[in-house]
Amino acid sequence: TQLHVLPTGVETYTAYRVRILKPEALQMGHITLTWDPSSG
């Protein structure tokens, strides 16, 4: 997680790498990203 704070706002970079070891972890293939369009 990397944050860049500027006078114009905050930029948040998120990255991950995960190894799937069991069938129950396959749900990690459902990726969601939520944001407020009025602010970014």
Full PDB file with SEQRES, HELIX, SHEET, SSBOND, CRYST1, ORIGX, SCALE, CONECT and MASTER records, all heavy atoms in Angstrom:
SEQRES   1 A   40  THR GLN LEU HIS VAL LEU PRO THR GLY VAL GLU THR TYR          
SEQRES   2 A   40  THR ALA TYR ARG VAL ARG ILE LEU LYS PRO GLU ALA LEU          
SEQRES   3 A   40  GLN MET GLY HIS ILE THR LEU THR TRP ASP PRO SER SER          
SEQRES   4 A   40  GLY                                                          
HELIX    1 AA1 PRO A   23  GLY A   29  5                                   7    
SHEET    1 AA1 2 GLN A   2  LEU A   6  0                                        
SHEET    2 AA1 2 GLY A   9  TYR A  13 -1                                        
CRYST1    1.000    1.000    1.000  90.00  90.00  90.00 P 1           1          
ORIGX1      1.000000  0.000000  0.000000        0.00000                         
ORIGX2      0.000000  1.000000  0.000000        0.00000                         
ORIGX3      0.000000  0.000000  1.000000        0.00000                         
SCALE1      1.000000  0.000000  0.000000        0.00000                         
SCALE2      0.000000  1.000000  0.000000        0.00000                         
SCALE3      0.000000  0.000000  1.000000        0.00000                         
ATOM      1  N   THR A   1       0.854  -1.185   0.000  1.00  0.00           N  
ATOM      2  CA  THR A   1       0.000   0.000   0.000  1.00  0.00           C  
ATOM      3  C   THR A   1       0.889   1.233   0.000  1.00  0.00           C  
ATOM      4  O   THR A   1       1.727   1.400   0.902  1.00  0.00           O  
ATOM      5  CB  THR A   1      -0.920   0.031   1.232  1.00  0.00           C  
ATOM      6  OG1 THR A   1      -1.723  -1.148   1.250  1.00  0.00           O  
ATOM      7  CG2 THR A   1      -1.825   1.256   1.205  1.00  0.00           C  
ATOM      8  N   GLN A   2       0.719   2.094  -1.001  1.00  0.00           N  
ATOM      9  CA  GLN A   2       1.518   3.312  -1.118  1.00  0.00           C  
ATOM     10  C   GLN A   2       0.575   4.510  -1.274  1.00  0.00           C  
ATOM     11  O   GLN A   2      -0.305   4.498  -2.129  1.00  0.00           O  
ATOM     12  CB  GLN A   2       2.467   3.236  -2.312  1.00  0.00           C  
ATOM     13  CG  GLN A   2       3.417   2.037  -2.272  1.00  0.00           C  
ATOM     14  CD  GLN A   2       4.387   2.029  -3.431  1.00  0.00           C  
ATOM     15  OE1 GLN A   2       4.958   3.068  -3.805  1.00  0.00           O  
ATOM     16  NE2 GLN A   2       4.603   0.850  -4.012  1.00  0.00           N  
ATOM     17  N   LEU A   3       0.774   5.535  -0.434  1.00  0.00           N  
ATOM     18  CA  LEU A   3      -0.030   6.745  -0.477  1.00  0.00           C  
ATOM     19  C   LEU A   3       0.834   7.934  -0.882  1.00  0.00           C  
ATOM     20  O   LEU A   3       1.963   8.087  -0.396  1.00  0.00           O  
ATOM     21  CB  LEU A   3      -0.672   7.035   0.886  1.00  0.00           C  
ATOM     22  CG  LEU A   3      -2.067   6.463   1.134  1.00  0.00           C  
ATOM     23  CD1 LEU A   3      -2.002   4.943   1.245  1.00  0.00           C  
ATOM     24  CD2 LEU A   3      -2.689   7.066   2.378  1.00  0.00           C  
ATOM     25  N   HIS A   4       0.275   8.775  -1.751  1.00  0.00           N  
ATOM     26  CA  HIS A   4       0.946   9.984  -2.213  1.00  0.00           C  
ATOM     27  C   HIS A   4       0.015  11.148  -1.900  1.00  0.00           C  
ATOM     28  O   HIS A   4      -1.040  11.302  -2.530  1.00  0.00           O  
ATOM     29  CB  HIS A   4       1.201   9.864  -3.720  1.00  0.00           C  
ATOM     30  CG  HIS A   4       2.256  10.781  -4.234  1.00  0.00           C  
ATOM     31  ND1 HIS A   4       3.508  10.876  -3.684  1.00  0.00           N  
ATOM     32  CD2 HIS A   4       2.249  11.651  -5.297  1.00  0.00           C  
ATOM     33  CE1 HIS A   4       4.239  11.736  -4.371  1.00  0.00           C  
ATOM     34  NE2 HIS A   4       3.494  12.231  -5.359  1.00  0.00           N  
ATOM     35  N   VAL A   5       0.380  11.943  -0.891  1.00  0.00           N  
ATOM     36  CA  VAL A   5      -0.461  13.040  -0.434  1.00  0.00           C  
ATOM     37  C   VAL A   5      -0.032  14.323  -1.140  1.00  0.00           C  
ATOM     38  O   VAL A   5       1.131  14.729  -1.057  1.00  0.00           O  
ATOM     39  CB  VAL A   5      -0.367  13.208   1.091  1.00  0.00           C  
ATOM     40  CG1 VAL A   5      -1.203  14.395   1.551  1.00  0.00           C  
ATOM     41  CG2 VAL A   5      -0.817  11.935   1.791  1.00  0.00           C  
ATOM     42  N   LEU A   6      -0.970  14.958  -1.827  1.00  0.00           N  
ATOM     43  CA  LEU A   6      -0.709  16.177  -2.585  1.00  0.00           C  
ATOM     44  C   LEU A   6      -1.761  17.227  -2.246  1.00  0.00           C  
ATOM     45  O   LEU A   6      -2.833  16.888  -1.716  1.00  0.00           O  
ATOM     46  CB  LEU A   6      -0.741  15.887  -4.087  1.00  0.00           C  
ATOM     47  CG  LEU A   6       0.298  14.897  -4.627  1.00  0.00           C  
ATOM     48  CD1 LEU A   6      -0.044  14.517  -6.067  1.00  0.00           C  
ATOM     49  CD2 LEU A   6       1.698  15.487  -4.534  1.00  0.00           C  
ATOM     50  N   PRO A   7      -1.510  18.496  -2.551  1.00  0.00           N  
ATOM     51  CA  PRO A   7      -2.545  19.518  -2.336  1.00  0.00           C  
ATOM     52  C   PRO A   7      -3.822  19.239  -3.121  1.00  0.00           C  
ATOM     53  O   PRO A   7      -4.902  19.689  -2.737  1.00  0.00           O  
ATOM     54  CB  PRO A   7      -1.865  20.805  -2.810  1.00  0.00           C  
ATOM     55  CG  PRO A   7      -0.400  20.551  -2.660  1.00  0.00           C  
ATOM     56  CD  PRO A   7      -0.225  19.100  -2.961  1.00  0.00           C  
ATOM     57  N   THR A   8      -3.709  18.493  -4.186  1.00  0.00           N  
ATOM     58  CA  THR A   8      -4.876  18.180  -5.017  1.00  0.00           C  
ATOM     59  C   THR A   8      -5.627  16.943  -4.548  1.00  0.00           C  
ATOM     60  O   THR A   8      -6.658  16.590  -5.124  1.00  0.00           O  
ATOM     61  CB  THR A   8      -4.442  17.966  -6.467  1.00  0.00           C  
ATOM     62  OG1 THR A   8      -3.424  16.944  -6.504  1.00  0.00           O  
ATOM     63  CG2 THR A   8      -3.887  19.253  -7.067  1.00  0.00           C  
ATOM     64  N   GLY A   9      -5.134  16.271  -3.536  1.00  0.00           N  
ATOM     65  CA  GLY A   9      -5.803  15.079  -3.031  1.00  0.00           C  
ATOM     66  C   GLY A   9      -4.819  13.980  -2.688  1.00  0.00           C  
ATOM     67  O   GLY A   9      -3.597  14.195  -2.641  1.00  0.00           O  
ATOM     68  N   VAL A  10      -5.348  12.787  -2.462  1.00  0.00           N  
ATOM     69  CA  VAL A  10      -4.537  11.629  -2.067  1.00  0.00           C  
ATOM     70  C   VAL A  10      -4.640  10.559  -3.145  1.00  0.00           C  
ATOM     71  O   VAL A  10      -5.743  10.216  -3.594  1.00  0.00           O  
ATOM     72  CB  VAL A  10      -5.003  11.057  -0.711  1.00  0.00           C  
ATOM     73  CG1 VAL A  10      -4.174   9.829  -0.332  1.00  0.00           C  
ATOM     74  CG2 VAL A  10      -4.907  12.115   0.374  1.00  0.00           C  
ATOM     75  N   GLU A  11      -3.494  10.039  -3.544  1.00  0.00           N  
ATOM     76  CA  GLU A  11      -3.438   8.924  -4.482  1.00  0.00           C  
ATOM     77  C   GLU A  11      -3.019   7.685  -3.709  1.00  0.00           C  
ATOM     78  O   GLU A  11      -1.985   7.691  -3.027  1.00  0.00           O  
ATOM     79  CB  GLU A  11      -2.438   9.214  -5.603  1.00  0.00           C  
ATOM     80  CG  GLU A  11      -2.801  10.447  -6.417  1.00  0.00           C  
ATOM     81  CD  GLU A  11      -1.695  10.892  -7.368  1.00  0.00           C  
ATOM     82  OE1 GLU A  11      -0.564  10.372  -7.252  1.00  0.00           O  
ATOM     83  OE2 GLU A  11      -1.973  11.768  -8.212  1.00  0.00           O  
ATOM     84  N   THR A  12      -3.823   6.628  -3.802  1.00  0.00           N  
ATOM     85  CA  THR A  12      -3.569   5.397  -3.050  1.00  0.00           C  
ATOM     86  C   THR A  12      -3.346   4.250  -4.015  1.00  0.00           C  
ATOM     87  O   THR A  12      -4.253   3.844  -4.746  1.00  0.00           O  
ATOM     88  CB  THR A  12      -4.740   5.069  -2.116  1.00  0.00           C  
ATOM     89  OG1 THR A  12      -4.979   6.170  -1.237  1.00  0.00           O  
ATOM     90  CG2 THR A  12      -4.439   3.829  -1.287  1.00  0.00           C  
ATOM     91  N   TYR A  13      -2.134   3.746  -4.003  1.00  0.00           N  
ATOM     92  CA  TYR A  13      -1.769   2.606  -4.851  1.00  0.00           C  
ATOM     93  C   TYR A  13      -1.804   1.346  -4.002  1.00  0.00           C  
ATOM     94  O   TYR A  13      -1.203   1.275  -2.919  1.00  0.00           O  
ATOM     95  CB  TYR A  13      -0.371   2.818  -5.431  1.00  0.00           C  
ATOM     96  CG  TYR A  13       0.191   1.623  -6.174  1.00  0.00           C  
ATOM     97  CD1 TYR A  13      -0.135   1.379  -7.507  1.00  0.00           C  
ATOM     98  CD2 TYR A  13       1.075   0.741  -5.542  1.00  0.00           C  
ATOM     99  CE1 TYR A  13       0.392   0.296  -8.192  1.00  0.00           C  
ATOM    100  CE2 TYR A  13       1.604  -0.349  -6.215  1.00  0.00           C  
ATOM    101  CZ  TYR A  13       1.258  -0.568  -7.542  1.00  0.00           C  
ATOM    102  OH  TYR A  13       1.777  -1.649  -8.220  1.00  0.00           O  
ATOM    103  N   THR A  14      -2.533   0.335  -4.470  1.00  0.00           N  
ATOM    104  CA  THR A  14      -2.637  -0.939  -3.755  1.00  0.00           C  
ATOM    105  C   THR A  14      -2.295  -2.070  -4.710  1.00  0.00           C  
ATOM    106  O   THR A  14      -2.836  -2.130  -5.822  1.00  0.00           O  
ATOM    107  CB  THR A  14      -4.056  -1.148  -3.208  1.00  0.00           C  
ATOM    108  OG1 THR A  14      -4.398  -0.046  -2.364  1.00  0.00           O  
ATOM    109  CG2 THR A  14      -4.137  -2.433  -2.397  1.00  0.00           C  
ATOM    110  N   ALA A  15      -1.401  -2.943  -4.288  1.00  0.00           N  
ATOM    111  CA  ALA A  15      -1.011  -4.081  -5.120  1.00  0.00           C  
ATOM    112  C   ALA A  15      -0.789  -5.292  -4.233  1.00  0.00           C  
ATOM    113  O   ALA A  15      -0.345  -5.169  -3.085  1.00  0.00           O  
ATOM    114  CB  ALA A  15       0.253  -3.764  -5.909  1.00  0.00           C  
ATOM    115  N   TYR A  16      -1.107  -6.461  -4.789  1.00  0.00           N  
ATOM    116  CA  TYR A  16      -0.851  -7.682  -4.038  1.00  0.00           C  
ATOM    117  C   TYR A  16      -0.632  -8.843  -5.008  1.00  0.00           C  
ATOM    118  O   TYR A  16      -1.065  -8.814  -6.170  1.00  0.00           O  
ATOM    119  CB  TYR A  16      -2.003  -8.003  -3.073  1.00  0.00           C  
ATOM    120  CG  TYR A  16      -3.345  -8.242  -3.736  1.00  0.00           C  
ATOM    121  CD1 TYR A  16      -3.716  -9.521  -4.173  1.00  0.00           C  
ATOM    122  CD2 TYR A  16      -4.254  -7.205  -3.909  1.00  0.00           C  
ATOM    123  CE1 TYR A  16      -4.946  -9.753  -4.763  1.00  0.00           C  
ATOM    124  CE2 TYR A  16      -5.492  -7.425  -4.493  1.00  0.00           C  
ATOM    125  CZ  TYR A  16      -5.828  -8.699  -4.921  1.00  0.00           C  
ATOM    126  OH  TYR A  16      -7.047  -8.919  -5.513  1.00  0.00           O  
ATOM    127  N   ARG A  17       0.052  -9.831  -4.488  1.00  0.00           N  
ATOM    128  CA  ARG A  17       0.255 -11.079  -5.214  1.00  0.00           C  
ATOM    129  C   ARG A  17       0.003 -12.208  -4.231  1.00  0.00           C  
ATOM    130  O   ARG A  17       0.613 -12.265  -3.158  1.00  0.00           O  
ATOM    131  CB  ARG A  17       1.670 -11.167  -5.778  1.00  0.00           C  
ATOM    132  CG  ARG A  17       1.937 -12.417  -6.625  1.00  0.00           C  
ATOM    133  CD  ARG A  17       3.232 -12.270  -7.383  1.00  0.00           C  
ATOM    134  NE  ARG A  17       3.603 -13.488  -8.118  1.00  0.00           N  
ATOM    135  CZ  ARG A  17       4.614 -13.556  -8.991  1.00  0.00           C  
ATOM    136  NH1 ARG A  17       5.348 -12.467  -9.243  1.00  0.00           N  
ATOM    137  NH2 ARG A  17       4.890 -14.692  -9.604  1.00  0.00           N  
ATOM    138  N   VAL A  18      -0.931 -13.093  -4.584  1.00  0.00           N  
ATOM    139  CA  VAL A  18      -1.350 -14.127  -3.656  1.00  0.00           C  
ATOM    140  C   VAL A  18      -1.375 -15.463  -4.383  1.00  0.00           C  
ATOM    141  O   VAL A  18      -1.805 -15.553  -5.535  1.00  0.00           O  
ATOM    142  CB  VAL A  18      -2.732 -13.789  -3.052  1.00  0.00           C  
ATOM    143  CG1 VAL A  18      -3.793 -13.657  -4.123  1.00  0.00           C  
ATOM    144  CG2 VAL A  18      -3.149 -14.809  -2.004  1.00  0.00           C  
ATOM    145  N   ARG A  19      -0.898 -16.508  -3.697  1.00  0.00           N  
ATOM    146  CA  ARG A  19      -0.912 -17.853  -4.260  1.00  0.00           C  
ATOM    147  C   ARG A  19      -2.144 -18.595  -3.725  1.00  0.00           C  
ATOM    148  O   ARG A  19      -2.388 -18.641  -2.517  1.00  0.00           O  
ATOM    149  CB  ARG A  19       0.360 -18.599  -3.893  1.00  0.00           C  
ATOM    150  CG  ARG A  19       0.436 -20.021  -4.480  1.00  0.00           C  
ATOM    151  CD  ARG A  19       1.749 -20.700  -4.145  1.00  0.00           C  
ATOM    152  NE  ARG A  19       2.877 -20.019  -4.769  1.00  0.00           N  
ATOM    153  CZ  ARG A  19       3.890 -19.477  -4.079  1.00  0.00           C  
ATOM    154  NH1 ARG A  19       3.890 -19.531  -2.763  1.00  0.00           N  
ATOM    155  NH2 ARG A  19       4.883 -18.883  -4.712  1.00  0.00           N  
ATOM    156  N   ILE A  20      -2.917 -19.175  -4.629  1.00  0.00           N  
ATOM    157  CA  ILE A  20      -4.116 -19.925  -4.266  1.00  0.00           C  
ATOM    158  C   ILE A  20      -3.705 -21.355  -3.931  1.00  0.00           C  
ATOM    159  O   ILE A  20      -3.228 -22.098  -4.797  1.00  0.00           O  
ATOM    160  CB  ILE A  20      -5.140 -19.914  -5.420  1.00  0.00           C  
ATOM    161  CG1 ILE A  20      -5.417 -18.480  -5.888  1.00  0.00           C  
ATOM    162  CG2 ILE A  20      -6.419 -20.607  -4.997  1.00  0.00           C  
ATOM    163  CD1 ILE A  20      -6.002 -17.579  -4.844  1.00  0.00           C  
ATOM    164  N   LEU A  21      -3.922 -21.763  -2.674  1.00  0.00           N  
ATOM    165  CA  LEU A  21      -3.465 -23.073  -2.216  1.00  0.00           C  
ATOM    166  C   LEU A  21      -4.607 -24.075  -2.022  1.00  0.00           C  
ATOM    167  O   LEU A  21      -4.363 -25.286  -2.069  1.00  0.00           O  
ATOM    168  CB  LEU A  21      -2.709 -22.932  -0.891  1.00  0.00           C  
ATOM    169  CG  LEU A  21      -1.477 -22.008  -0.916  1.00  0.00           C  
ATOM    170  CD1 LEU A  21      -0.882 -21.884   0.471  1.00  0.00           C  
ATOM    171  CD2 LEU A  21      -0.431 -22.546  -1.897  1.00  0.00           C  
ATOM    172  N   LYS A  22      -5.805 -23.600  -1.799  1.00  0.00           N  
ATOM    173  CA  LYS A  22      -6.939 -24.479  -1.533  1.00  0.00           C  
ATOM    174  C   LYS A  22      -8.154 -23.981  -2.315  1.00  0.00           C  
ATOM    175  O   LYS A  22      -8.259 -22.793  -2.639  1.00  0.00           O  
ATOM    176  CB  LYS A  22      -7.278 -24.491  -0.030  1.00  0.00           C  
ATOM    177  CG  LYS A  22      -6.155 -25.003   0.873  1.00  0.00           C  
ATOM    178  CD  LYS A  22      -5.986 -26.502   0.770  1.00  0.00           C  
ATOM    179  CE  LYS A  22      -4.942 -26.980   1.790  1.00  0.00           C  
ATOM    180  NZ  LYS A  22      -4.746 -28.439   1.706  1.00  0.00           N  
ATOM    181  N   PRO A  23      -9.116 -24.876  -2.607  1.00  0.00           N  
ATOM    182  CA  PRO A  23     -10.305 -24.450  -3.352  1.00  0.00           C  
ATOM    183  C   PRO A  23     -11.061 -23.305  -2.681  1.00  0.00           C  
ATOM    184  O   PRO A  23     -11.625 -22.448  -3.363  1.00  0.00           O  
ATOM    185  CB  PRO A  23     -11.152 -25.718  -3.418  1.00  0.00           C  
ATOM    186  CG  PRO A  23     -10.170 -26.837  -3.320  1.00  0.00           C  
ATOM    187  CD  PRO A  23      -9.094 -26.347  -2.400  1.00  0.00           C  
ATOM    188  N   GLU A  24     -11.067 -23.283  -1.342  1.00  0.00           N  
ATOM    189  CA  GLU A  24     -11.825 -22.233  -0.666  1.00  0.00           C  
ATOM    190  C   GLU A  24     -11.248 -20.838  -0.899  1.00  0.00           C  
ATOM    191  O   GLU A  24     -11.918 -19.828  -0.648  1.00  0.00           O  
ATOM    192  CB  GLU A  24     -11.921 -22.513   0.836  1.00  0.00           C  
ATOM    193  CG  GLU A  24     -10.586 -22.774   1.521  1.00  0.00           C  
ATOM    194  CD  GLU A  24     -10.271 -24.261   1.648  1.00  0.00           C  
ATOM    195  OE1 GLU A  24     -10.596 -24.997   0.693  1.00  0.00           O  
ATOM    196  OE2 GLU A  24      -9.735 -24.663   2.685  1.00  0.00           O  
ATOM    197  N   ALA A  25     -10.020 -20.751  -1.380  1.00  0.00           N  
ATOM    198  CA  ALA A  25      -9.414 -19.446  -1.658  1.00  0.00           C  
ATOM    199  C   ALA A  25      -9.691 -18.968  -3.079  1.00  0.00           C  
ATOM    200  O   ALA A  25      -9.318 -17.853  -3.435  1.00  0.00           O  
ATOM    201  CB  ALA A  25      -7.905 -19.496  -1.411  1.00  0.00           C  
ATOM    202  N   LEU A  26     -10.351 -19.781  -3.888  1.00  0.00           N  
ATOM    203  CA  LEU A  26     -10.646 -19.358  -5.261  1.00  0.00           C  
ATOM    204  C   LEU A  26     -11.579 -18.153  -5.305  1.00  0.00           C  
ATOM    205  O   LEU A  26     -11.647 -17.452  -6.320  1.00  0.00           O  
ATOM    206  CB  LEU A  26     -11.263 -20.524  -6.048  1.00  0.00           C  
ATOM    207  CG  LEU A  26     -10.293 -21.650  -6.438  1.00  0.00           C  
ATOM    208  CD1 LEU A  26     -11.063 -22.831  -7.002  1.00  0.00           C  
ATOM    209  CD2 LEU A  26      -9.260 -21.139  -7.444  1.00  0.00           C  
ATOM    210  N   GLN A  27     -12.291 -17.897  -4.207  1.00  0.00           N  
ATOM    211  CA  GLN A  27     -13.154 -16.725  -4.158  1.00  0.00           C  
ATOM    212  C   GLN A  27     -12.361 -15.428  -4.263  1.00  0.00           C  
ATOM    213  O   GLN A  27     -12.930 -14.361  -4.521  1.00  0.00           O  
ATOM    214  CB  GLN A  27     -13.957 -16.728  -2.860  1.00  0.00           C  
ATOM    215  CG  GLN A  27     -13.108 -16.664  -1.596  1.00  0.00           C  
ATOM    216  CD  GLN A  27     -13.944 -16.754  -0.340  1.00  0.00           C  
ATOM    217  OE1 GLN A  27     -15.152 -16.588  -0.374  1.00  0.00           O  
ATOM    218  NE2 GLN A  27     -13.302 -17.028   0.778  1.00  0.00           N  
ATOM    219  N   MET A  28     -11.053 -15.485  -4.086  1.00  0.00           N  
ATOM    220  CA  MET A  28     -10.235 -14.292  -4.271  1.00  0.00           C  
ATOM    221  C   MET A  28     -10.217 -13.850  -5.729  1.00  0.00           C  
ATOM    222  O   MET A  28      -9.768 -12.747  -6.044  1.00  0.00           O  
ATOM    223  CB  MET A  28      -8.810 -14.536  -3.763  1.00  0.00           C  
ATOM    224  CG  MET A  28      -8.738 -14.881  -2.290  1.00  0.00           C  
ATOM    225  SD  MET A  28      -7.055 -15.144  -1.712  1.00  0.00           S  
ATOM    226  CE  MET A  28      -6.751 -13.603  -0.874  1.00  0.00           C  
ATOM    227  N   GLY A  29     -10.728 -14.715  -6.607  1.00  0.00           N  
ATOM    228  CA  GLY A  29     -10.857 -14.330  -8.007  1.00  0.00           C  
ATOM    229  C   GLY A  29     -12.018 -13.398  -8.267  1.00  0.00           C  
ATOM    230  O   GLY A  29     -12.204 -12.943  -9.405  1.00  0.00           O  
ATOM    231  N   HIS A  30     -12.821 -13.110  -7.230  1.00  0.00           N  
ATOM    232  CA  HIS A  30     -13.873 -12.097  -7.335  1.00  0.00           C  
ATOM    233  C   HIS A  30     -13.282 -10.791  -6.816  1.00  0.00           C  
ATOM    234  O   HIS A  30     -13.164 -10.569  -5.617  1.00  0.00           O  
ATOM    235  CB  HIS A  30     -15.090 -12.505  -6.518  1.00  0.00           C  
ATOM    236  CG  HIS A  30     -16.165 -11.456  -6.479  1.00  0.00           C  
ATOM    237  ND1 HIS A  30     -16.759 -10.969  -7.613  1.00  0.00           N  
ATOM    238  CD2 HIS A  30     -16.747 -10.807  -5.439  1.00  0.00           C  
ATOM    239  CE1 HIS A  30     -17.659 -10.066  -7.283  1.00  0.00           C  
ATOM    240  NE2 HIS A  30     -17.669  -9.950  -5.967  1.00  0.00           N  
ATOM    241  N   ILE A  31     -12.876  -9.909  -7.709  1.00  0.00           N  
ATOM    242  CA  ILE A  31     -12.176  -8.675  -7.364  1.00  0.00           C  
ATOM    243  C   ILE A  31     -13.162  -7.514  -7.415  1.00  0.00           C  
ATOM    244  O   ILE A  31     -13.912  -7.357  -8.389  1.00  0.00           O  
ATOM    245  CB  ILE A  31     -11.016  -8.411  -8.341  1.00  0.00           C  
ATOM    246  CG1 ILE A  31     -10.046  -9.607  -8.357  1.00  0.00           C  
ATOM    247  CG2 ILE A  31     -10.271  -7.139  -7.969  1.00  0.00           C  
ATOM    248  CD1 ILE A  31      -8.984  -9.504  -9.428  1.00  0.00           C  
ATOM    249  N   THR A  32     -13.176  -6.702  -6.380  1.00  0.00           N  
ATOM    250  CA  THR A  32     -14.027  -5.516  -6.347  1.00  0.00           C  
ATOM    251  C   THR A  32     -13.191  -4.292  -5.989  1.00  0.00           C  
ATOM    252  O   THR A  32     -12.200  -4.379  -5.257  1.00  0.00           O  
ATOM    253  CB  THR A  32     -15.167  -5.658  -5.331  1.00  0.00           C  
ATOM    254  OG1 THR A  32     -14.617  -5.816  -4.018  1.00  0.00           O  
ATOM    255  CG2 THR A  32     -16.047  -6.846  -5.658  1.00  0.00           C  
ATOM    256  N   LEU A  33     -13.617  -3.168  -6.489  1.00  0.00           N  
ATOM    257  CA  LEU A  33     -12.962  -1.888  -6.238  1.00  0.00           C  
ATOM    258  C   LEU A  33     -14.071  -0.858  -6.061  1.00  0.00           C  
ATOM    259  O   LEU A  33     -14.895  -0.671  -6.947  1.00  0.00           O  
ATOM    260  CB  LEU A  33     -12.056  -1.526  -7.416  1.00  0.00           C  
ATOM    261  CG  LEU A  33     -11.174  -0.294  -7.295  1.00  0.00           C  
ATOM    262  CD1 LEU A  33     -10.181  -0.467  -6.152  1.00  0.00           C  
ATOM    263  CD2 LEU A  33     -10.423  -0.049  -8.605  1.00  0.00           C  
ATOM    264  N   THR A  34     -14.112  -0.203  -4.906  1.00  0.00           N  
ATOM    265  CA  THR A  34     -15.188   0.736  -4.592  1.00  0.00           C  
ATOM    266  C   THR A  34     -14.630   2.135  -4.390  1.00  0.00           C  
ATOM    267  O   THR A  34     -13.603   2.310  -3.728  1.00  0.00           O  
ATOM    268  CB  THR A  34     -15.943   0.281  -3.326  1.00  0.00           C  
ATOM    269  OG1 THR A  34     -16.497  -1.018  -3.549  1.00  0.00           O  
ATOM    270  CG2 THR A  34     -17.073   1.238  -2.992  1.00  0.00           C  
ATOM    271  N   TRP A  35     -15.316   3.138  -4.954  1.00  0.00           N  
ATOM    272  CA  TRP A  35     -14.879   4.521  -4.805  1.00  0.00           C  
ATOM    273  C   TRP A  35     -16.079   5.461  -4.893  1.00  0.00           C  
ATOM    274  O   TRP A  35     -17.145   5.101  -5.373  1.00  0.00           O  
ATOM    275  CB  TRP A  35     -13.829   4.868  -5.854  1.00  0.00           C  
ATOM    276  CG  TRP A  35     -14.359   5.070  -7.264  1.00  0.00           C  
ATOM    277  CD1 TRP A  35     -14.616   6.256  -7.895  1.00  0.00           C  
ATOM    278  CD2 TRP A  35     -14.695   4.052  -8.208  1.00  0.00           C  
ATOM    279  NE1 TRP A  35     -15.094   6.042  -9.161  1.00  0.00           N  
ATOM    280  CE2 TRP A  35     -15.144   4.690  -9.385  1.00  0.00           C  
ATOM    281  CE3 TRP A  35     -14.673   2.649  -8.174  1.00  0.00           C  
ATOM    282  CZ2 TRP A  35     -15.566   3.988 -10.509  1.00  0.00           C  
ATOM    283  CZ3 TRP A  35     -15.088   1.944  -9.300  1.00  0.00           C  
ATOM    284  CH2 TRP A  35     -15.520   2.614 -10.446  1.00  0.00           C  
ATOM    285  N   ASP A  36     -15.859   6.677  -4.433  1.00  0.00           N  
ATOM    286  CA  ASP A  36     -16.884   7.723  -4.476  1.00  0.00           C  
ATOM    287  C   ASP A  36     -16.610   8.614  -5.681  1.00  0.00           C  
ATOM    288  O   ASP A  36     -15.607   9.340  -5.694  1.00  0.00           O  
ATOM    289  CB  ASP A  36     -16.845   8.536  -3.187  1.00  0.00           C  
ATOM    290  CG  ASP A  36     -17.878   9.653  -3.157  1.00  0.00           C  
ATOM    291  OD1 ASP A  36     -18.593   9.829  -4.153  1.00  0.00           O  
ATOM    292  OD2 ASP A  36     -17.948  10.358  -2.132  1.00  0.00           O  
ATOM    293  N   PRO A  37     -17.451   8.597  -6.702  1.00  0.00           N  
ATOM    294  CA  PRO A  37     -17.173   9.377  -7.904  1.00  0.00           C  
ATOM    295  C   PRO A  37     -17.248  10.882  -7.683  1.00  0.00           C  
ATOM    296  O   PRO A  37     -16.740  11.646  -8.505  1.00  0.00           O  
ATOM    297  CB  PRO A  37     -18.245   8.909  -8.893  1.00  0.00           C  
ATOM    298  CG  PRO A  37     -19.361   8.429  -8.039  1.00  0.00           C  
ATOM    299  CD  PRO A  37     -18.719   7.840  -6.821  1.00  0.00           C  
ATOM    300  N   SER A  38     -17.860  11.316  -6.596  1.00  0.00           N  
ATOM    301  CA  SER A  38     -17.916  12.750  -6.328  1.00  0.00           C  
ATOM    302  C   SER A  38     -16.607  13.275  -5.768  1.00  0.00           C  
ATOM    303  O   SER A  38     -16.394  14.488  -5.710  1.00  0.00           O  
ATOM    304  CB  SER A  38     -19.049  13.067  -5.356  1.00  0.00           C  
ATOM    305  OG  SER A  38     -18.750  12.607  -4.056  1.00  0.00           O  
ATOM    306  N   SER A  39     -15.719  12.371  -5.355  1.00  0.00           N  
ATOM    307  CA  SER A  39     -14.462  12.820  -4.758  1.00  0.00           C  
ATOM    308  C   SER A  39     -13.226  12.227  -5.415  1.00  0.00           C  
ATOM    309  O   SER A  39     -12.106  12.557  -5.012  1.00  0.00           O  
ATOM    310  CB  SER A  39     -14.434  12.469  -3.260  1.00  0.00           C  
ATOM    311  OG  SER A  39     -14.505  11.073  -3.065  1.00  0.00           O  
ATOM    312  N   GLY A  40     -13.392  11.354  -6.422  1.00  0.00           N  
ATOM    313  CA  GLY A  40     -12.204  10.792  -7.042  1.00  0.00           C  
ATOM    314  C   GLY A  40     -12.515   9.767  -8.106  1.00  0.00           C  
ATOM    315  O   GLY A  40     -13.647   9.633  -8.567  1.00  0.00           O  
TER     316      GLY A  40                                                      
MASTER        0    0    0    1    2    0    0    6  315    1    0    4          
END                                                                             
